[in-house]
Protein backbone atom coordinates (compact mmCIF):
# COMPACT_ATOMS: atom_id res chain seq x y z
CA MET A 1 -52.31 95.42 53.36
CA TYR A 2 -54.42 95.78 50.12
CA PRO A 3 -57.28 98.65 50.07
CA ASP A 4 -60.01 95.64 49.45
CA HIS A 5 -62.94 97.34 52.23
CA PHE A 6 -64.46 96.98 48.96
CA LEU A 7 -65.91 93.47 50.53
CA ASP A 8 -66.44 94.73 53.92
CA GLN A 9 -70.33 95.21 53.45
CA LYS A 10 -71.32 91.48 52.01
CA LEU A 11 -69.56 90.09 54.64
CA GLN A 12 -70.98 92.50 57.41
CA ALA A 13 -74.60 91.27 56.18
CA ARG A 14 -73.11 87.55 56.72
CA ILE A 15 -72.01 88.59 60.13
CA GLU A 16 -75.73 90.40 61.17
CA THR A 17 -77.43 87.05 60.41
CA ASN A 18 -75.63 85.40 61.99
CA ALA A 19 -74.71 83.01 58.29
CA LEU A 20 -70.35 83.86 58.14
CA ARG A 21 -69.23 80.58 57.22
CA THR A 22 -65.58 80.10 58.53
CA LEU A 23 -63.24 76.60 57.92
CA VAL A 24 -63.44 74.87 60.36
CA HIS A 25 -62.20 71.04 61.63
CA LEU A 26 -63.31 68.64 64.21
CA PRO A 27 -61.07 65.93 64.73
CA ASN A 28 -62.31 63.32 67.65
CA LYS A 29 -65.47 63.16 66.94
CA ILE A 30 -67.91 61.21 65.40
CA ASP A 31 -68.66 61.93 62.08
CA PHE A 32 -72.00 62.23 61.56
CA CYS A 33 -71.04 65.04 58.72
CA SER A 34 -69.44 63.55 55.71
CA ASN A 35 -70.92 62.14 52.36
CA ASP A 36 -68.50 59.47 53.17
CA TYR A 37 -71.62 57.28 53.36
CA LEU A 38 -69.92 54.01 53.41
CA GLY A 39 -66.69 55.08 54.62
CA ILE A 40 -64.48 54.16 51.57
CA ALA A 41 -62.80 57.04 52.66
CA LYS A 42 -62.71 57.08 56.42
CA GLY A 43 -61.05 53.51 56.08
CA LYS A 44 -59.16 54.04 53.74
CA LEU A 45 -59.58 51.81 51.26
CA LEU A 46 -58.51 53.16 47.83
CA HIS A 47 -55.13 53.81 49.69
CA HIS A 48 -52.56 51.94 47.08
CA SER A 49 -49.01 51.32 47.30
CA GLU A 50 -48.09 51.70 43.35
CA THR A 51 -45.11 54.20 43.54
CA ASN A 52 -45.08 54.95 40.10
CA LEU A 53 -48.95 56.33 39.77
CA SER A 54 -48.49 60.27 38.05
CA ALA A 55 -49.72 62.77 40.70
CA GLY A 56 -50.32 65.61 36.99
CA SER A 57 -52.43 64.73 34.02
CA THR A 58 -50.33 67.76 31.88
CA GLY A 59 -52.91 69.50 30.79
CA SER A 60 -57.03 69.11 28.90
CA ARG A 61 -57.86 65.94 27.83
CA LEU A 62 -58.36 67.55 24.43
CA LEU A 63 -54.54 68.00 24.41
CA ALA A 64 -51.93 66.02 26.63
CA GLY A 65 -54.29 65.26 29.47
CA HIS A 66 -56.03 61.87 27.99
CA THR A 67 -54.65 58.25 28.22
CA PRO A 68 -56.16 55.21 26.98
CA TYR A 69 -56.80 54.22 30.79
CA MET A 70 -59.50 57.00 31.45
CA ASN A 71 -60.91 55.25 27.99
CA GLU A 72 -60.61 51.96 29.88
CA VAL A 73 -62.45 53.36 33.41
CA GLU A 74 -65.25 54.59 30.83
CA GLN A 75 -66.47 51.89 29.45
CA ASP A 76 -66.08 50.35 32.90
CA ILE A 77 -67.89 52.55 34.61
CA ALA A 78 -70.51 52.72 31.59
CA THR A 79 -71.67 49.06 31.76
CA PHE A 80 -71.68 49.21 35.63
CA HIS A 81 -74.66 51.90 35.10
CA ALA A 82 -75.62 50.11 31.89
CA ALA A 83 -75.86 53.29 30.10
CA ASP A 84 -73.90 53.65 25.96
CA THR A 85 -70.45 55.83 27.49
CA ALA A 86 -69.00 58.14 30.57
CA LEU A 87 -67.54 60.44 30.33
CA LEU A 88 -65.47 61.55 33.25
CA PHE A 89 -65.17 65.03 34.89
CA ASN A 90 -62.79 66.73 37.56
CA SER A 91 -66.07 67.07 40.14
CA GLY A 92 -69.90 66.68 40.16
CA TYR A 93 -69.38 70.77 39.69
CA ASP A 94 -67.63 70.28 36.45
CA ALA A 95 -70.19 67.98 35.20
CA ASN A 96 -73.26 69.75 35.79
CA VAL A 97 -71.82 73.44 34.64
CA GLY A 98 -70.11 71.25 31.82
CA LEU A 99 -73.33 69.33 30.68
CA LEU A 100 -75.77 72.43 31.50
CA SER A 101 -74.00 75.53 30.25
CA SER A 102 -73.79 73.50 26.91
CA VAL A 103 -76.17 71.13 25.88
CA PRO A 104 -79.73 73.10 25.92
CA GLN A 105 -79.55 76.44 23.57
CA LYS A 106 -80.93 79.10 23.18
CA GLY A 107 -84.55 79.49 22.22
CA ASP A 108 -84.59 75.79 24.53
CA THR A 109 -86.28 75.55 27.99
CA ILE A 110 -84.50 74.04 31.08
CA LEU A 111 -87.88 73.14 33.95
CA TYR A 112 -85.52 72.06 37.04
CA ASP A 113 -86.63 71.25 40.51
CA TYR A 114 -86.14 74.10 42.91
CA LEU A 115 -84.36 72.63 45.64
CA SER A 116 -82.15 71.52 42.76
CA HIS A 117 -78.22 71.32 43.49
CA ALA A 118 -76.40 74.61 43.26
CA SER A 119 -74.03 73.34 40.75
CA ILE A 120 -77.49 72.66 38.66
CA ARG A 121 -78.31 75.98 39.78
CA ASP A 122 -75.05 77.37 38.21
CA GLY A 123 -75.11 75.58 34.75
CA ILE A 124 -78.62 77.00 34.01
CA ARG A 125 -77.12 80.55 34.64
CA LEU A 126 -74.60 79.91 32.30
CA SER A 127 -76.81 78.28 29.62
CA MET A 128 -78.71 81.17 26.33
CA ALA A 129 -82.27 79.48 27.58
CA GLN A 130 -84.85 79.74 29.25
CA SER A 131 -85.49 78.36 32.13
CA PHE A 132 -87.91 77.39 35.28
CA SER A 133 -87.49 76.18 38.71
CA PHE A 134 -91.14 74.24 39.36
CA LYS A 135 -91.88 73.70 43.11
CA HIS A 136 -90.05 70.82 44.88
CA ASN A 137 -91.44 67.12 43.10
CA ASP A 138 -94.35 68.24 42.84
CA LEU A 139 -95.18 66.79 39.29
CA GLU A 140 -98.38 69.59 38.69
CA ASP A 141 -96.18 72.06 38.44
CA LEU A 142 -93.81 70.31 36.67
CA LYS A 143 -96.37 70.01 33.96
CA LYS A 144 -98.13 73.60 34.14
CA LYS A 145 -94.51 74.62 33.32
CA ILE A 146 -93.89 72.15 30.31
CA GLN A 147 -97.13 72.42 28.93
CA LYS A 148 -95.50 76.22 27.90
CA ALA A 149 -91.89 75.18 26.93
CA SER A 150 -90.80 75.73 23.94
CA GLY A 151 -87.83 74.83 21.93
CA GLN A 152 -85.99 70.94 23.32
CA CYS A 153 -87.32 70.83 26.20
CA PHE A 154 -84.84 69.61 29.79
CA ILE A 155 -86.46 68.78 33.51
CA VAL A 156 -83.97 68.42 36.08
CA THR A 157 -83.24 67.12 39.26
CA GLU A 158 -81.63 64.78 41.68
CA SER A 159 -82.34 61.27 42.36
CA VAL A 160 -81.73 62.11 45.70
CA PHE A 161 -81.58 65.65 47.42
CA SER A 162 -78.95 66.75 49.42
CA MET A 163 -80.75 68.54 51.66
CA ASP A 164 -83.60 66.59 52.26
CA GLY A 165 -83.24 63.38 51.55
CA ASP A 166 -85.67 61.98 49.48
CA PHE A 167 -86.20 60.80 47.12
CA CYS A 168 -87.55 62.30 43.08
CA PRO A 169 -90.93 60.68 42.08
CA LEU A 170 -88.95 60.10 38.72
CA GLN A 171 -91.45 57.19 37.37
CA ASP A 172 -93.74 59.70 37.44
CA ILE A 173 -91.85 62.12 36.05
CA VAL A 174 -90.29 59.58 32.93
CA ALA A 175 -93.93 59.51 32.70
CA LEU A 176 -94.74 63.68 32.02
CA ALA A 177 -91.10 63.53 30.08
CA LYS A 178 -92.78 61.08 27.14
CA GLU A 179 -95.61 62.66 27.08
CA PHE A 180 -94.41 66.39 26.56
CA ASN A 181 -90.80 64.93 24.07
CA ALA A 182 -88.91 66.66 26.81
CA HIS A 183 -85.66 65.27 28.26
CA ILE A 184 -83.91 63.86 31.69
CA ILE A 185 -81.40 65.15 33.49
CA ILE A 186 -80.84 63.81 36.52
CA ASP A 187 -77.85 63.71 39.09
CA GLU A 188 -77.21 60.46 40.68
CA ALA A 189 -74.73 62.28 43.46
CA HIS A 190 -76.10 60.78 46.68
CA ALA A 191 -77.70 57.62 45.50
CA THR A 192 -74.20 56.53 44.12
CA GLY A 193 -72.94 53.57 45.22
CA VAL A 194 -75.69 53.32 48.22
CA VAL A 195 -79.03 53.20 46.12
CA GLY A 196 -79.91 50.06 44.50
CA VAL A 197 -78.26 46.74 43.27
CA GLN A 198 -74.63 47.36 43.95
CA GLY A 199 -75.37 50.57 44.56
CA VAL A 200 -76.33 51.33 40.93
CA GLY A 201 -78.65 54.46 41.49
CA TRP A 202 -82.01 55.78 41.63
CA VAL A 203 -82.24 55.28 37.87
CA GLN A 204 -81.32 51.45 37.18
CA ALA A 205 -82.86 50.50 40.82
CA CYS A 206 -86.19 51.85 38.96
CA ARG A 207 -85.58 50.86 35.49
CA LEU A 208 -85.77 53.54 33.83
CA GLU A 209 -82.27 53.96 32.19
CA LYS A 210 -83.55 53.70 28.99
CA GLU A 211 -85.78 56.74 29.09
CA ILE A 212 -83.44 59.68 30.68
CA PHE A 213 -81.45 61.51 28.76
CA ALA A 214 -77.87 61.96 30.97
CA ARG A 215 -76.89 60.92 34.39
CA ILE A 216 -74.44 62.45 36.23
CA HIS A 217 -72.44 60.37 38.62
CA THR A 218 -70.20 61.39 40.79
CA PHE A 219 -67.16 59.99 43.15
CA GLY A 220 -67.35 62.31 45.88
CA LYS A 221 -69.52 61.19 48.91
CA ALA A 222 -70.29 56.97 48.62
CA CYS A 223 -67.27 56.38 46.24
CA GLY A 224 -64.61 57.80 48.08
CA CYS A 225 -62.51 60.07 45.93
CA HIS A 226 -62.88 61.99 43.67
CA GLY A 227 -64.66 63.34 40.36
CA ALA A 228 -67.98 62.67 38.16
CA VAL A 229 -68.69 61.08 35.29
CA VAL A 230 -71.49 62.28 32.72
CA LEU A 231 -73.96 58.70 31.20
CA GLY A 232 -75.98 59.10 27.94
CA SER A 233 -75.58 58.33 23.76
CA GLU A 234 -72.08 58.32 22.26
CA ARG A 235 -73.25 61.01 20.50
CA LEU A 236 -73.90 63.08 23.99
CA ARG A 237 -70.43 62.40 24.66
CA SER A 238 -69.27 63.61 21.46
CA TYR A 239 -71.39 66.79 21.91
CA LEU A 240 -69.40 67.07 25.38
CA ILE A 241 -66.09 66.60 24.23
CA ASN A 242 -66.80 69.87 21.63
CA PHE A 243 -68.45 72.22 23.90
CA ALA A 244 -68.30 71.58 27.71
CA ARG A 245 -66.27 74.19 28.37
CA SER A 246 -65.24 72.72 31.75
CA LEU A 247 -64.41 69.63 30.07
CA MET A 248 -61.99 71.75 27.92
CA TYR A 249 -60.44 74.43 29.53
CA SER A 250 -59.69 71.72 32.87
CA THR A 251 -56.17 69.82 33.10
CA SER A 252 -57.64 66.35 33.30
CA LEU A 253 -57.34 63.79 36.17
CA PRO A 254 -54.29 62.30 36.95
CA GLU A 255 -53.55 59.09 36.62
CA SER A 256 -53.51 58.69 40.23
CA ALA A 257 -57.59 59.46 40.37
CA ILE A 258 -58.40 57.45 37.36
CA HIS A 259 -56.65 54.30 39.19
CA ALA A 260 -58.77 55.80 42.66
CA ILE A 261 -62.45 56.03 41.04
CA HIS A 262 -61.68 52.69 38.97
CA LYS A 263 -60.99 50.78 42.27
CA SER A 264 -63.96 51.97 44.02
CA TYR A 265 -65.71 50.64 40.95
CA GLU A 266 -64.55 47.26 42.03
CA LEU A 267 -65.22 47.49 44.97
CA PHE A 268 -68.14 49.74 46.40
CA PRO A 269 -70.67 47.23 44.85
CA THR A 270 -69.14 44.31 47.32
CA MET A 271 -70.76 46.32 50.23
CA ASP A 272 -74.18 44.58 50.61
CA LEU A 273 -73.35 44.76 54.14
CA GLU A 274 -71.98 48.10 54.55
CA ARG A 275 -75.46 49.21 52.77
CA ASN A 276 -77.59 47.53 54.81
CA HIS A 277 -76.21 48.62 57.58
CA LEU A 278 -77.14 51.70 57.22
CA ASN A 279 -79.99 50.99 55.91
CA ASN A 280 -80.98 49.68 59.16
CA LEU A 281 -79.86 53.43 60.91
CA VAL A 282 -81.51 54.94 59.28
CA ASN A 283 -84.86 53.35 60.08
CA GLN A 284 -83.60 53.67 63.61
CA PHE A 285 -83.56 57.35 63.38
CA GLN A 286 -86.75 57.52 61.25
CA GLN A 287 -88.81 55.94 64.29
CA ALA A 288 -87.24 57.65 67.00
CA LYS A 289 -88.96 60.34 69.49
CA ILE A 290 -87.61 63.44 69.19
CA ARG A 291 -88.47 66.95 70.18
CA PHE A 292 -87.19 68.75 66.65
CA ASN A 293 -89.32 68.47 63.27
CA LYS A 294 -87.22 65.84 61.14
CA LEU A 295 -87.91 65.10 57.82
CA VAL A 296 -89.19 62.26 56.53
CA SER A 297 -86.00 60.45 54.38
CA ASP A 298 -85.03 57.32 53.79
CA THR A 299 -81.89 57.77 52.64
CA ALA A 300 -78.75 58.51 55.00
CA ILE A 301 -79.06 61.90 55.06
CA GLN A 302 -81.74 62.89 57.92
CA GLY A 303 -82.84 66.31 58.29
CA ILE A 304 -83.77 67.96 61.62
CA ILE A 305 -85.30 71.60 61.20
CA VAL A 306 -84.39 74.32 63.45
CA PRO A 307 -85.25 77.66 62.36
CA GLY A 308 -83.27 80.73 62.69
CA ASN A 309 -79.63 80.81 61.92
CA SER A 310 -78.79 81.63 65.50
CA GLU A 311 -81.03 78.78 67.13
CA VAL A 312 -79.82 76.02 64.94
CA ARG A 313 -75.74 77.20 65.05
CA ALA A 314 -76.52 76.86 68.93
CA LEU A 315 -77.70 73.10 68.67
CA ALA A 316 -74.71 72.22 67.04
CA ASN A 317 -71.79 73.58 69.32
CA MET A 318 -73.77 71.47 72.38
CA LEU A 319 -74.12 68.10 69.79
CA GLN A 320 -69.78 69.22 68.92
CA GLN A 321 -69.32 69.64 73.09
CA GLU A 322 -70.97 66.31 73.54
CA GLY A 323 -68.38 64.84 70.88
CA PHE A 324 -70.89 64.51 67.44
CA ASP A 325 -69.68 66.06 64.18
CA ILE A 326 -72.71 67.99 63.23
CA ARG A 327 -72.90 71.01 61.14
CA PRO A 328 -75.62 73.72 60.69
CA VAL A 329 -77.00 74.48 57.39
CA LEU A 330 -78.07 78.16 57.78
CA TYR A 331 -80.18 80.63 55.97
CA PRO A 332 -78.91 82.05 52.62
CA THR A 333 -77.85 77.85 51.61
CA VAL A 334 -81.60 76.73 52.62
CA PRO A 335 -85.06 79.18 52.87
CA ALA A 336 -85.47 81.25 56.14
CA GLY A 337 -87.12 78.93 58.51
CA ALA A 338 -85.58 75.61 57.01
CA GLU A 339 -82.30 76.11 58.81
CA ARG A 340 -81.55 72.31 59.98
CA LEU A 341 -79.27 69.91 61.79
CA ARG A 342 -78.02 67.89 58.62
CA ILE A 343 -77.32 64.68 60.61
CA VAL A 344 -75.74 61.98 58.01
CA LEU A 345 -75.35 58.44 58.75
CA HIS A 346 -72.72 56.05 57.96
CA ALA A 347 -71.67 52.35 57.94
CA PHE A 348 -69.36 52.40 60.18
CA ASN A 349 -71.64 54.60 62.76
CA SER A 350 -72.91 51.75 65.30
CA GLU A 351 -76.00 51.63 66.76
CA GLU A 352 -74.97 52.72 70.07
CA GLU A 353 -73.42 56.04 69.11
CA LEU A 354 -76.51 56.58 66.86
CA GLN A 355 -78.83 55.90 69.93
CA ARG A 356 -76.61 58.17 71.97
CA LEU A 357 -76.42 60.99 69.09
CA ILE A 358 -80.70 60.30 69.35
CA SER A 359 -80.93 60.98 73.46
CA LYS A 360 -79.60 63.83 72.56
CA LEU A 361 -82.49 65.21 70.51
CA GLN A 362 -85.25 63.79 73.04
């Protein structure tokens, strides 16, 4: 056995705080966990009968991995999202890291919402720009920090936050950005497919697509497949092709993945009935009386605060034994005292299933 005992110290710290993660599969339970909001993945709606689609692209897009079909899919996505261009990345993580590590330069300033996703934080960490967080959705705190910004200033946020399920105050952020000549970067991962008419996302729902420097839409959630795009100008697309290392030095998505993305963008705009049912479930859950602190959310992501890793694990285990696939979110993923159940609602969940879950929380 290799002598890698030096790893034990940090693992032991996780064990002592009941925060050690393991990989768990919970078959045959009611899904209140996944990000498959519209049921596209569960329903296998993107499965194709074509047998000649390649499972490998053979290289990065700068070498052997580019095809005209990728350009076609990117243009279709850009048109759907009322953007000049779209550039495919292998994942939302790659898109955020590639964009944020390459665009802001030394002497620039990045201001990011404190609850921004880890991929945003990692991209910022790789940038040469200075960076500061602002309090979650706090316009006053953002304004104080933007007044001290130097160089090009980038405001980074999410449209729907992955742990709280709330929206960013986009109109107010756009007004601040205009006042101080800042550039907005917004991650639409949890809005893609479910927010706005036909699932266009929060930016277009607010009719502010012309005010945003860059949008990231990801496909691993409501779209039911894999990958992401960065939406922006022709100039930004060219810049990322030349400087985004997560694009330049990654083997590109294979033809089978590009095909699934294309099919998803043909499918999810037609799913108004599913989005309406999902919204009805959200309203049902928000109106329910339960014995725990429930976060206010108008989206599929519903947070139940249960402070303490041991306490929230125990509640999740009880619900799992009752037949529900619900997972705890532990410190340090969320701040100590804000541990929670992250309950995710889906278009395929029935009202009866949701009522059964609510009854266990009352």
